[in-house]
PDB file of all heavy atoms in Angstrom:
ATOM      1  N   LEU A   1     -24.503 -20.998 -63.013  1.00  0.00           N
ATOM      2  CA  LEU A   1     -25.432 -21.985 -62.857  1.00  0.00           C
ATOM      3  C   LEU A   1     -25.091 -23.288 -63.685  1.00  0.00           C
ATOM      4  O   LEU A   1     -25.193 -24.381 -63.221  1.00  0.00           O
ATOM      5  CB  LEU A   1     -26.823 -21.559 -63.266  1.00  0.00           C
ATOM      6  CG  LEU A   1     -27.805 -21.066 -62.149  1.00  0.00           C
ATOM      7  CD1 LEU A   1     -29.034 -20.684 -62.795  1.00  0.00           C
ATOM      8  CD2 LEU A   1     -27.940 -22.068 -61.154  1.00  0.00           C
ATOM      9  N   LYS A   2     -24.677 -23.060 -64.938  1.00  0.00           N
ATOM     10  CA  LYS A   2     -24.244 -24.086 -65.813  1.00  0.00           C
ATOM     11  C   LYS A   2     -23.211 -24.947 -65.166  1.00  0.00           C
ATOM     12  O   LYS A   2     -23.237 -26.224 -65.078  1.00  0.00           O
ATOM     13  CB  LYS A   2     -23.894 -23.686 -67.177  1.00  0.00           C
ATOM     14  CG  LYS A   2     -23.349 -24.698 -68.146  1.00  0.00           C
ATOM     15  CD  LYS A   2     -23.221 -24.107 -69.541  1.00  0.00           C
ATOM     16  CE  LYS A   2     -22.612 -25.128 -70.571  1.00  0.00           C
ATOM     17  NZ  LYS A   2     -21.247 -25.636 -70.197  1.00  0.00           N
ATOM     18  N   GLU A   3     -22.090 -24.335 -64.563  1.00  0.00           N
ATOM     19  CA  GLU A   3     -20.958 -24.908 -63.982  1.00  0.00           C
ATOM     20  C   GLU A   3     -21.451 -25.805 -62.739  1.00  0.00           C
ATOM     21  O   GLU A   3     -20.955 -26.872 -62.471  1.00  0.00           O
ATOM     22  CB  GLU A   3     -19.952 -23.961 -63.672  1.00  0.00           C
ATOM     23  CG  GLU A   3     -19.189 -23.272 -64.878  1.00  0.00           C
ATOM     24  CD  GLU A   3     -18.468 -24.243 -65.747  1.00  0.00           C
ATOM     25  OE1 GLU A   3     -18.038 -25.293 -65.167  1.00  0.00           O
ATOM     26  OE2 GLU A   3     -18.397 -24.000 -66.960  1.00  0.00           O
ATOM     27  N   VAL A   4     -22.206 -25.137 -61.990  1.00  0.00           N
ATOM     28  CA  VAL A   4     -22.705 -25.840 -60.769  1.00  0.00           C
ATOM     29  C   VAL A   4     -23.498 -27.042 -61.145  1.00  0.00           C
ATOM     30  O   VAL A   4     -23.312 -28.122 -60.500  1.00  0.00           O
ATOM     31  CB  VAL A   4     -23.606 -24.848 -59.827  1.00  0.00           C
ATOM     32  CG1 VAL A   4     -24.231 -25.655 -58.789  1.00  0.00           C
ATOM     33  CG2 VAL A   4     -22.648 -23.779 -59.212  1.00  0.00           C
ATOM     34  N   ASN A   5     -24.408 -26.953 -62.077  1.00  0.00           N
ATOM     35  CA  ASN A   5     -25.215 -28.141 -62.515  1.00  0.00           C
ATOM     36  C   ASN A   5     -24.389 -29.081 -63.005  1.00  0.00           C
ATOM     37  O   ASN A   5     -24.733 -30.375 -62.837  1.00  0.00           O
ATOM     38  CB  ASN A   5     -26.355 -27.667 -63.293  1.00  0.00           C
ATOM     39  CG  ASN A   5     -27.561 -26.955 -62.673  1.00  0.00           C
ATOM     40  OD1 ASN A   5     -27.778 -27.283 -61.621  1.00  0.00           O
ATOM     41  ND2 ASN A   5     -28.122 -26.001 -63.298  1.00  0.00           N
ATOM     42  N   GLU A   6     -23.469 -28.871 -63.828  1.00  0.00           N
ATOM     43  CA  GLU A   6     -22.598 -29.864 -64.346  1.00  0.00           C
ATOM     44  C   GLU A   6     -21.689 -30.625 -63.367  1.00  0.00           C
ATOM     45  O   GLU A   6     -21.411 -31.792 -63.439  1.00  0.00           O
ATOM     46  CB  GLU A   6     -21.780 -29.240 -65.539  1.00  0.00           C
ATOM     47  CG  GLU A   6     -22.533 -28.991 -66.696  1.00  0.00           C
ATOM     48  CD  GLU A   6     -21.667 -28.289 -67.841  1.00  0.00           C
ATOM     49  OE1 GLU A   6     -20.378 -28.119 -67.600  1.00  0.00           O
ATOM     50  OE2 GLU A   6     -22.182 -28.101 -68.989  1.00  0.00           O
ATOM     51  N   ARG A   7     -21.055 -29.844 -62.497  1.00  0.00           N
ATOM     52  CA  ARG A   7     -20.141 -30.290 -61.503  1.00  0.00           C
ATOM     53  C   ARG A   7     -20.725 -30.865 -60.243  1.00  0.00           C
ATOM     54  O   ARG A   7     -20.202 -31.757 -59.581  1.00  0.00           O
ATOM     55  CB  ARG A   7     -19.100 -29.301 -61.110  1.00  0.00           C
ATOM     56  CG  ARG A   7     -18.295 -28.849 -62.391  1.00  0.00           C
ATOM     57  CD  ARG A   7     -17.120 -28.003 -61.827  1.00  0.00           C
ATOM     58  NE  ARG A   7     -16.524 -27.151 -62.949  1.00  0.00           N
ATOM     59  CZ  ARG A   7     -15.327 -26.522 -62.713  1.00  0.00           C
ATOM     60  NH1 ARG A   7     -14.623 -26.615 -61.716  1.00  0.00           N
ATOM     61  NH2 ARG A   7     -14.898 -25.814 -63.769  1.00  0.00           N
ATOM     62  N   GLY A   8     -21.825 -30.462 -59.913  1.00  0.00           N
ATOM     63  CA  GLY A   8     -22.515 -30.750 -58.578  1.00  0.00           C
ATOM     64  C   GLY A   8     -22.198 -29.818 -57.406  1.00  0.00           C
ATOM     65  O   GLY A   8     -22.975 -29.477 -56.659  1.00  0.00           O
ATOM     66  N   TYR A   9     -20.820 -29.379 -57.396  1.00  0.00           N
ATOM     67  CA  TYR A   9     -20.366 -28.429 -56.491  1.00  0.00           C
ATOM     68  C   TYR A   9     -19.150 -27.702 -57.039  1.00  0.00           C
ATOM     69  O   TYR A   9     -18.300 -28.316 -57.803  1.00  0.00           O
ATOM     70  CB  TYR A   9     -19.847 -29.120 -55.145  1.00  0.00           C
ATOM     71  CG  TYR A   9     -19.318 -28.128 -54.190  1.00  0.00           C
ATOM     72  CD1 TYR A   9     -20.087 -27.492 -53.212  1.00  0.00           C
ATOM     73  CD2 TYR A   9     -17.805 -28.071 -54.179  1.00  0.00           C
ATOM     74  CE1 TYR A   9     -19.561 -26.545 -52.318  1.00  0.00           C
ATOM     75  CE2 TYR A   9     -17.251 -27.092 -53.229  1.00  0.00           C
ATOM     76  CZ  TYR A   9     -18.178 -26.445 -52.334  1.00  0.00           C
ATOM     77  OH  TYR A   9     -17.563 -25.531 -51.425  1.00  0.00           O
ATOM     78  N   ILE A  10     -19.012 -26.476 -56.787  1.00  0.00           N
ATOM     79  CA  ILE A  10     -17.856 -25.611 -57.273  1.00  0.00           C
ATOM     80  C   ILE A  10     -17.641 -24.591 -56.184  1.00  0.00           C
ATOM     81  O   ILE A  10     -18.550 -23.948 -55.620  1.00  0.00           O
ATOM     82  CB  ILE A  10     -18.139 -24.968 -58.703  1.00  0.00           C
ATOM     83  CG1 ILE A  10     -16.810 -24.470 -59.227  1.00  0.00           C
ATOM     84  CG2 ILE A  10     -19.358 -24.121 -58.707  1.00  0.00           C
ATOM     85  CD1 ILE A  10     -16.939 -24.077 -60.798  1.00  0.00           C
ATOM     86  N   SER A  11     -16.252 -24.389 -55.879  1.00  0.00           N
ATOM     87  CA  SER A  11     -15.924 -23.327 -54.980  1.00  0.00           C
ATOM     88  C   SER A  11     -15.951 -21.907 -55.506  1.00  0.00           C
ATOM     89  O   SER A  11     -15.847 -21.770 -56.777  1.00  0.00           O
ATOM     90  CB  SER A  11     -14.440 -23.674 -54.463  1.00  0.00           C
ATOM     91  OG  SER A  11     -13.569 -23.410 -55.444  1.00  0.00           O
ATOM     92  N   VAL A  12     -15.967 -21.006 -54.470  1.00  0.00           N
ATOM     93  CA  VAL A  12     -15.957 -19.569 -54.965  1.00  0.00           C
ATOM     94  C   VAL A  12     -14.664 -19.223 -55.665  1.00  0.00           C
ATOM     95  O   VAL A  12     -14.606 -18.537 -56.627  1.00  0.00           O
ATOM     96  CB  VAL A  12     -16.118 -18.697 -53.735  1.00  0.00           C
ATOM     97  CG1 VAL A  12     -15.782 -17.244 -53.944  1.00  0.00           C
ATOM     98  CG2 VAL A  12     -17.568 -18.793 -53.003  1.00  0.00           C
ATOM     99  N   GLU A  13     -13.611 -19.912 -55.135  1.00  0.00           N
ATOM    100  CA  GLU A  13     -12.274 -19.638 -55.734  1.00  0.00           C
ATOM    101  C   GLU A  13     -12.191 -20.054 -57.134  1.00  0.00           C
ATOM    102  O   GLU A  13     -11.704 -19.401 -58.011  1.00  0.00           O
ATOM    103  CB  GLU A  13     -11.212 -20.360 -54.880  1.00  0.00           C
ATOM    104  CG  GLU A  13      -9.804 -20.189 -55.404  1.00  0.00           C
ATOM    105  CD  GLU A  13      -8.727 -20.868 -54.527  1.00  0.00           C
ATOM    106  OE1 GLU A  13      -8.914 -20.827 -53.349  1.00  0.00           O
ATOM    107  OE2 GLU A  13      -7.803 -21.426 -55.088  1.00  0.00           O
ATOM    108  N   GLU A  14     -12.773 -21.296 -57.436  1.00  0.00           N
ATOM    109  CA  GLU A  14     -12.822 -21.734 -58.844  1.00  0.00           C
ATOM    110  C   GLU A  14     -13.676 -20.797 -59.786  1.00  0.00           C
ATOM    111  O   GLU A  14     -13.290 -20.533 -60.868  1.00  0.00           O
ATOM    112  CB  GLU A  14     -13.344 -23.157 -58.941  1.00  0.00           C
ATOM    113  CG  GLU A  14     -12.426 -24.151 -58.397  1.00  0.00           C
ATOM    114  CD  GLU A  14     -13.034 -25.523 -58.407  1.00  0.00           C
ATOM    115  OE1 GLU A  14     -14.005 -25.822 -57.646  1.00  0.00           O
ATOM    116  OE2 GLU A  14     -12.727 -26.450 -59.298  1.00  0.00           O
ATOM    117  N   LEU A  15     -14.734 -20.226 -59.161  1.00  0.00           N
ATOM    118  CA  LEU A  15     -15.604 -19.459 -59.948  1.00  0.00           C
ATOM    119  C   LEU A  15     -15.050 -18.051 -60.295  1.00  0.00           C
ATOM    120  O   LEU A  15     -15.276 -17.547 -61.323  1.00  0.00           O
ATOM    121  CB  LEU A  15     -16.981 -19.281 -59.214  1.00  0.00           C
ATOM    122  CG  LEU A  15     -17.865 -20.522 -59.235  1.00  0.00           C
ATOM    123  CD1 LEU A  15     -19.067 -20.460 -58.225  1.00  0.00           C
ATOM    124  CD2 LEU A  15     -18.410 -20.725 -60.672  1.00  0.00           C
ATOM    125  N   THR A  16     -14.311 -17.535 -59.395  1.00  0.00           N
ATOM    126  CA  THR A  16     -13.704 -16.310 -59.611  1.00  0.00           C
ATOM    127  C   THR A  16     -12.681 -16.441 -60.704  1.00  0.00           C
ATOM    128  O   THR A  16     -12.596 -15.478 -61.642  1.00  0.00           O
ATOM    129  CB  THR A  16     -12.928 -15.789 -58.308  1.00  0.00           C
ATOM    130  OG1 THR A  16     -11.901 -16.755 -57.887  1.00  0.00           O
ATOM    131  CG2 THR A  16     -13.815 -15.507 -57.165  1.00  0.00           C
ATOM    132  N   GLU A  17     -11.870 -17.494 -60.831  1.00  0.00           N
ATOM    133  CA  GLU A  17     -10.956 -17.676 -61.909  1.00  0.00           C
ATOM    134  C   GLU A  17     -11.645 -17.854 -63.392  1.00  0.00           C
ATOM    135  O   GLU A  17     -11.405 -17.351 -64.317  1.00  0.00           O
ATOM    136  CB  GLU A  17     -10.047 -18.910 -61.605  1.00  0.00           C
ATOM    137  CG  GLU A  17      -9.182 -18.609 -60.499  1.00  0.00           C
ATOM    138  CD  GLU A  17      -8.182 -19.886 -60.245  1.00  0.00           C
ATOM    139  OE1 GLU A  17      -8.215 -20.645 -61.005  1.00  0.00           O
ATOM    140  OE2 GLU A  17      -7.384 -19.865 -59.042  1.00  0.00           O
ATOM    141  N   LEU A  18     -12.802 -18.762 -63.225  1.00  0.00           N
ATOM    142  CA  LEU A  18     -13.475 -19.208 -64.308  1.00  0.00           C
ATOM    143  C   LEU A  18     -14.255 -17.973 -64.969  1.00  0.00           C
ATOM    144  O   LEU A  18     -14.262 -17.732 -66.157  1.00  0.00           O
ATOM    145  CB  LEU A  18     -14.463 -20.276 -63.989  1.00  0.00           C
ATOM    146  CG  LEU A  18     -15.125 -21.022 -65.161  1.00  0.00           C
ATOM    147  CD1 LEU A  18     -14.070 -21.848 -65.799  1.00  0.00           C
ATOM    148  CD2 LEU A  18     -16.116 -21.910 -64.575  1.00  0.00           C
ATOM    149  N   LEU A  19     -14.847 -17.044 -64.194  1.00  0.00           N
ATOM    150  CA  LEU A  19     -15.698 -16.000 -64.716  1.00  0.00           C
ATOM    151  C   LEU A  19     -14.998 -14.658 -64.574  1.00  0.00           C
ATOM    152  O   LEU A  19     -15.512 -13.710 -65.096  1.00  0.00           O
ATOM    153  CB  LEU A  19     -16.926 -15.977 -63.766  1.00  0.00           C
ATOM    154  CG  LEU A  19     -17.678 -17.168 -63.776  1.00  0.00           C
ATOM    155  CD1 LEU A  19     -18.937 -17.025 -62.861  1.00  0.00           C
ATOM    156  CD2 LEU A  19     -18.361 -17.557 -65.128  1.00  0.00           C
ATOM    157  N   ASP A  20     -13.730 -14.681 -64.055  1.00  0.00           N
ATOM    158  CA  ASP A  20     -12.767 -13.363 -63.995  1.00  0.00           C
ATOM    159  C   ASP A  20     -13.586 -12.332 -63.400  1.00  0.00           C
ATOM    160  O   ASP A  20     -13.591 -11.297 -63.980  1.00  0.00           O
ATOM    161  CB  ASP A  20     -12.406 -13.047 -65.499  1.00  0.00           C
ATOM    162  CG  ASP A  20     -11.307 -12.130 -65.490  1.00  0.00           C
ATOM    163  OD1 ASP A  20     -10.500 -12.090 -64.485  1.00  0.00           O
ATOM    164  OD2 ASP A  20     -11.232 -11.337 -66.578  1.00  0.00           O
ATOM    165  N   VAL A  21     -14.075 -12.501 -62.217  1.00  0.00           N
ATOM    166  CA  VAL A  21     -14.574 -11.382 -61.388  1.00  0.00           C
ATOM    167  C   VAL A  21     -14.203 -11.741 -59.862  1.00  0.00           C
ATOM    168  O   VAL A  21     -13.568 -12.762 -59.610  1.00  0.00           O
ATOM    169  CB  VAL A  21     -16.239 -11.515 -61.388  1.00  0.00           C
ATOM    170  CG1 VAL A  21     -16.775 -11.130 -62.807  1.00  0.00           C
ATOM    171  CG2 VAL A  21     -16.824 -12.757 -61.018  1.00  0.00           C
ATOM    172  N   SER A  22     -14.496 -10.740 -59.058  1.00  0.00           N
ATOM    173  CA  SER A  22     -14.027 -10.865 -57.715  1.00  0.00           C
ATOM    174  C   SER A  22     -14.920 -11.885 -56.824  1.00  0.00           C
ATOM    175  O   SER A  22     -15.994 -12.284 -57.279  1.00  0.00           O
ATOM    176  CB  SER A  22     -14.139  -9.434 -57.023  1.00  0.00           C
ATOM    177  OG  SER A  22     -15.540  -9.146 -56.807  1.00  0.00           O
ATOM    178  N   ALA A  23     -14.231 -12.358 -55.834  1.00  0.00           N
ATOM    179  CA  ALA A  23     -14.874 -13.310 -54.942  1.00  0.00           C
ATOM    180  C   ALA A  23     -16.212 -12.625 -54.445  1.00  0.00           C
ATOM    181  O   ALA A  23     -17.223 -13.294 -54.146  1.00  0.00           O
ATOM    182  CB  ALA A  23     -14.125 -13.684 -53.927  1.00  0.00           C
ATOM    183  N   GLN A  24     -16.213 -11.411 -54.041  1.00  0.00           N
ATOM    184  CA  GLN A  24     -17.373 -10.576 -53.601  1.00  0.00           C
ATOM    185  C   GLN A  24     -18.616 -10.671 -54.576  1.00  0.00           C
ATOM    186  O   GLN A  24     -19.668 -10.895 -54.279  1.00  0.00           O
ATOM    187  CB  GLN A  24     -16.934  -9.188 -53.262  1.00  0.00           C
ATOM    188  CG  GLN A  24     -18.148  -8.392 -52.545  1.00  0.00           C
ATOM    189  CD  GLN A  24     -17.755  -6.954 -52.201  1.00  0.00           C
ATOM    190  OE1 GLN A  24     -16.705  -6.391 -52.677  1.00  0.00           O
ATOM    191  NE2 GLN A  24     -18.473  -6.290 -51.485  1.00  0.00           N
ATOM    192  N   THR A  25     -18.207 -10.571 -55.892  1.00  0.00           N
ATOM    193  CA  THR A  25     -19.312 -10.527 -56.898  1.00  0.00           C
ATOM    194  C   THR A  25     -19.727 -12.038 -57.008  1.00  0.00           C
ATOM    195  O   THR A  25     -21.141 -12.050 -57.097  1.00  0.00           O
ATOM    196  CB  THR A  25     -18.679 -10.122 -58.239  1.00  0.00           C
ATOM    197  OG1 THR A  25     -18.209  -8.907 -58.211  1.00  0.00           O
ATOM    198  CG2 THR A  25     -19.758 -10.361 -59.357  1.00  0.00           C
ATOM    199  N   ILE A  26     -18.960 -12.955 -56.872  1.00  0.00           N
ATOM    200  CA  ILE A  26     -19.442 -14.361 -57.103  1.00  0.00           C
ATOM    201  C   ILE A  26     -20.358 -14.713 -55.836  1.00  0.00           C
ATOM    202  O   ILE A  26     -21.505 -15.365 -55.931  1.00  0.00           O
ATOM    203  CB  ILE A  26     -18.270 -15.249 -56.982  1.00  0.00           C
ATOM    204  CG1 ILE A  26     -17.519 -15.257 -58.222  1.00  0.00           C
ATOM    205  CG2 ILE A  26     -18.790 -16.876 -56.739  1.00  0.00           C
ATOM    206  CD1 ILE A  26     -18.269 -15.640 -59.478  1.00  0.00           C
TER     207      ILE A  26
END
């Protein structure tokens, strides 16, 4: 949520790398 609110938009791919979890979890 913090990343989305700061950036306005963030992709699933970026979130998987950032949070070190699978795309399915994201």
